[in-house]
Amino acid sequence: QYSGWESNSDHLFQFMDTILPSYGMGNESVEVGLWHANNEVENRTNEDELYQVILIGDMPPNTDAEVDDKRESRRGEEYWRSTKFCDKVYCDDQVEKLRQSSVPIHCFYVDDDSAKHRFQQIAHKTGGECQFLDVDTPAGAEELTHVVTQKILKDVGGREG
């Protein structure tokens, strides 16, 4: 699931309230979300627009082998060729494209440390932040808001002198 680009934190929190766990098949399709983010960046109309990606999850991204296996086991490549997901995408490639576009990925892992190591790698590579997000307390929402707004303020301050 993904939200549109938001400048209003209330809208982002409203979106987050609609997210329900579906207890998937292990690692997550992070590569698809990052692919979507890359498409948004590529289609931006103003080069000065500030972008950042917020990645929240309880499992790490699919490995390249998992992407291949899951695509084949879920309807096969013939099916995927007829969708907007016709091209295989892999997490590391999508992270690199965002890094090259100077888009930080802020990663928040929930529940346990399953995603921690991989999320730390992604955040580090792109200049983002990575930390545990306690989704069961108001402090978690406050910390998420703090990290995101600090990055925005730093970027705006750097651009305006």
Protein backbone atom coordinates (compact mmCIF):
# COMPACT_ATOMS: atom_id res chain seq x y z
CA GLN A 1 0.00 0.00 0.00
CA TYR A 2 1.17 3.52 -0.62
CA SER A 3 0.00 7.07 -0.13
CA GLY A 4 0.38 9.97 -2.45
CA TRP A 5 3.00 12.61 -1.72
CA GLU A 6 1.81 14.43 1.37
CA SER A 7 2.66 17.79 2.88
CA ASN A 8 -0.02 17.53 5.55
CA SER A 9 0.84 15.15 8.38
CA ASP A 10 -2.84 14.75 9.31
CA HIS A 11 -3.51 13.24 5.88
CA LEU A 12 -0.61 10.85 6.30
CA PHE A 13 -1.88 9.74 9.71
CA GLN A 14 -5.39 9.25 8.27
CA PHE A 15 -3.87 7.04 5.58
CA MET A 16 -1.89 5.06 8.16
CA ASP A 17 -5.11 4.40 10.11
CA THR A 18 -6.44 2.47 7.09
CA ILE A 19 -3.50 0.06 6.95
CA LEU A 20 -4.28 -3.40 8.27
CA PRO A 21 -1.88 -6.34 8.41
CA SER A 22 -2.55 -9.17 6.00
CA TYR A 23 0.20 -11.47 7.24
CA GLY A 24 1.78 -12.13 3.86
CA MET A 25 4.29 -14.62 2.57
CA GLY A 26 7.42 -13.66 4.52
CA ASN A 27 9.51 -10.84 3.11
CA GLU A 28 7.64 -7.91 1.60
CA SER A 29 7.34 -6.41 -1.89
CA VAL A 30 9.26 -3.28 -0.92
CA GLU A 31 10.70 -3.19 -4.43
CA VAL A 32 7.26 -2.36 -5.84
CA GLY A 33 6.76 0.57 -3.48
CA LEU A 34 10.22 1.92 -4.31
CA TRP A 35 9.51 1.45 -8.02
CA HIS A 36 6.38 3.57 -7.55
CA ALA A 37 8.43 6.22 -5.73
CA ASN A 38 10.96 6.26 -8.57
CA ASN A 39 8.16 6.75 -11.11
CA GLU A 40 6.87 9.69 -9.07
CA VAL A 41 10.33 11.24 -8.95
CA GLU A 42 10.87 10.72 -12.69
CA ASN A 43 7.53 12.37 -13.48
CA ARG A 44 7.92 15.39 -11.21
CA THR A 45 7.34 18.71 -12.87
CA ASN A 46 9.54 20.81 -10.62
CA GLU A 47 13.15 19.78 -9.97
CA ASP A 48 13.11 21.78 -6.71
CA GLU A 49 10.37 19.65 -5.18
CA LEU A 50 11.48 17.95 -1.99
CA TYR A 51 11.01 14.22 -1.87
CA GLN A 52 11.52 11.57 0.75
CA VAL A 53 10.24 8.06 1.12
CA ILE A 54 8.87 6.64 4.35
CA LEU A 55 9.17 2.85 4.55
CA ILE A 56 7.36 1.18 7.44
CA GLY A 57 7.34 -2.57 7.78
CA ASP A 58 7.74 -5.65 9.91
CA MET A 59 9.67 -7.71 7.37
CA PRO A 60 12.63 -6.99 5.10
CA PRO A 61 12.31 -6.57 1.32
CA ASN A 62 12.16 -9.54 -1.01
CA THR A 63 15.51 -10.82 -2.19
CA ASP A 64 16.05 -10.93 -5.95
CA ALA A 65 15.42 -14.68 -5.89
CA GLU A 66 12.15 -14.16 -3.97
CA VAL A 67 10.96 -11.62 -6.54
CA ASP A 68 11.58 -14.17 -9.30
CA ASP A 69 9.97 -17.04 -7.36
CA LYS A 70 6.90 -15.07 -6.22
CA ARG A 71 6.20 -13.71 -9.70
CA GLU A 72 6.39 -17.21 -11.17
CA SER A 73 4.31 -18.83 -8.42
CA ARG A 74 1.67 -16.10 -8.55
CA ARG A 75 0.28 -16.46 -12.08
CA GLY A 76 3.56 -16.59 -14.00
CA GLU A 77 5.37 -14.09 -16.21
CA GLU A 78 2.74 -14.22 -18.97
CA TYR A 79 0.24 -12.68 -16.57
CA TRP A 80 2.67 -10.02 -15.30
CA ARG A 81 3.51 -8.91 -18.85
CA SER A 82 -0.09 -7.71 -19.22
CA THR A 83 0.04 -5.49 -16.12
CA LYS A 84 1.76 -2.26 -15.13
CA PHE A 85 4.19 -4.53 -13.27
CA CYS A 86 5.43 -6.17 -16.47
CA ASP A 87 9.09 -5.43 -15.73
CA LYS A 88 10.72 -7.21 -12.83
CA VAL A 89 12.14 -4.79 -10.31
CA TYR A 90 14.54 -5.50 -7.49
CA CYS A 91 14.95 -3.64 -4.22
CA ASP A 92 18.63 -2.76 -4.49
CA ASP A 93 18.18 -1.34 -7.99
CA GLN A 94 15.27 0.82 -6.86
CA VAL A 95 17.18 2.03 -3.79
CA GLU A 96 20.11 2.99 -6.00
CA LYS A 97 17.88 4.97 -8.37
CA LEU A 98 16.41 6.89 -5.43
CA ARG A 99 19.91 7.52 -4.06
CA GLN A 100 21.00 8.88 -7.43
CA SER A 101 17.97 11.20 -7.36
CA SER A 102 18.96 12.38 -3.83
CA VAL A 103 15.78 10.95 -2.32
CA PRO A 104 16.29 9.70 1.23
CA ILE A 105 14.43 6.63 2.40
CA HIS A 106 13.48 6.79 6.07
CA CYS A 107 12.91 3.27 7.36
CA PHE A 108 10.86 2.30 10.39
CA TYR A 109 10.68 -1.31 11.51
CA VAL A 110 7.81 -2.49 13.71
CA ASP A 111 7.08 -5.48 15.94
CA ASP A 112 10.53 -7.03 16.09
CA ASP A 113 13.96 -6.79 14.53
CA SER A 114 13.22 -8.89 11.41
CA ALA A 115 13.55 -5.88 9.10
CA LYS A 116 16.06 -3.88 11.15
CA HIS A 117 19.34 -4.82 9.44
CA ARG A 118 18.05 -4.47 5.88
CA PHE A 119 16.19 -1.23 6.66
CA GLN A 120 19.38 0.19 8.20
CA GLN A 121 21.26 -0.58 4.97
CA ILE A 122 18.60 1.12 2.84
CA ALA A 123 18.44 4.22 5.04
CA HIS A 124 22.22 4.52 5.24
CA LYS A 125 22.66 4.22 1.49
CA THR A 126 20.15 7.00 0.77
CA GLY A 127 20.89 9.36 3.66
CA GLY A 128 17.70 8.47 5.49
CA GLU A 129 17.01 7.61 9.10
CA CYS A 130 16.23 4.15 10.46
CA GLN A 131 14.68 3.28 13.77
CA PHE A 132 12.12 1.20 15.61
CA LEU A 133 8.56 2.54 15.36
CA ASP A 134 6.21 1.73 18.21
CA VAL A 135 2.86 1.73 16.43
CA ASP A 136 0.99 0.96 19.65
CA THR A 137 1.67 4.26 21.40
CA PRO A 138 1.24 7.97 20.57
CA ALA A 139 5.02 8.33 21.02
CA GLY A 140 5.51 6.35 17.79
CA ALA A 141 3.49 8.84 15.75
CA GLU A 142 5.32 11.70 17.40
CA GLU A 143 8.73 10.19 16.61
CA LEU A 144 7.75 9.54 12.99
CA THR A 145 6.61 13.15 12.63
CA HIS A 146 9.82 14.40 14.25
CA VAL A 147 12.15 12.47 11.93
CA VAL A 148 10.28 13.48 8.79
CA THR A 149 9.91 17.15 9.69
CA GLN A 150 13.53 17.46 10.77
CA LYS A 151 14.63 16.23 7.35
CA ILE A 152 12.26 18.62 5.56
CA LEU A 153 13.41 21.60 7.65
CA LYS A 154 17.06 20.72 7.07
CA ASP A 155 16.51 20.47 3.32
CA VAL A 156 14.53 23.71 3.11
CA GLY A 157 17.10 25.53 5.26
CA GLY A 158 19.94 24.27 3.08
CA ARG A 159 18.22 25.41 -0.09
CA GLU A 160 17.34 28.83 1.23
CA GLY A 161 20.72 29.50 2.86
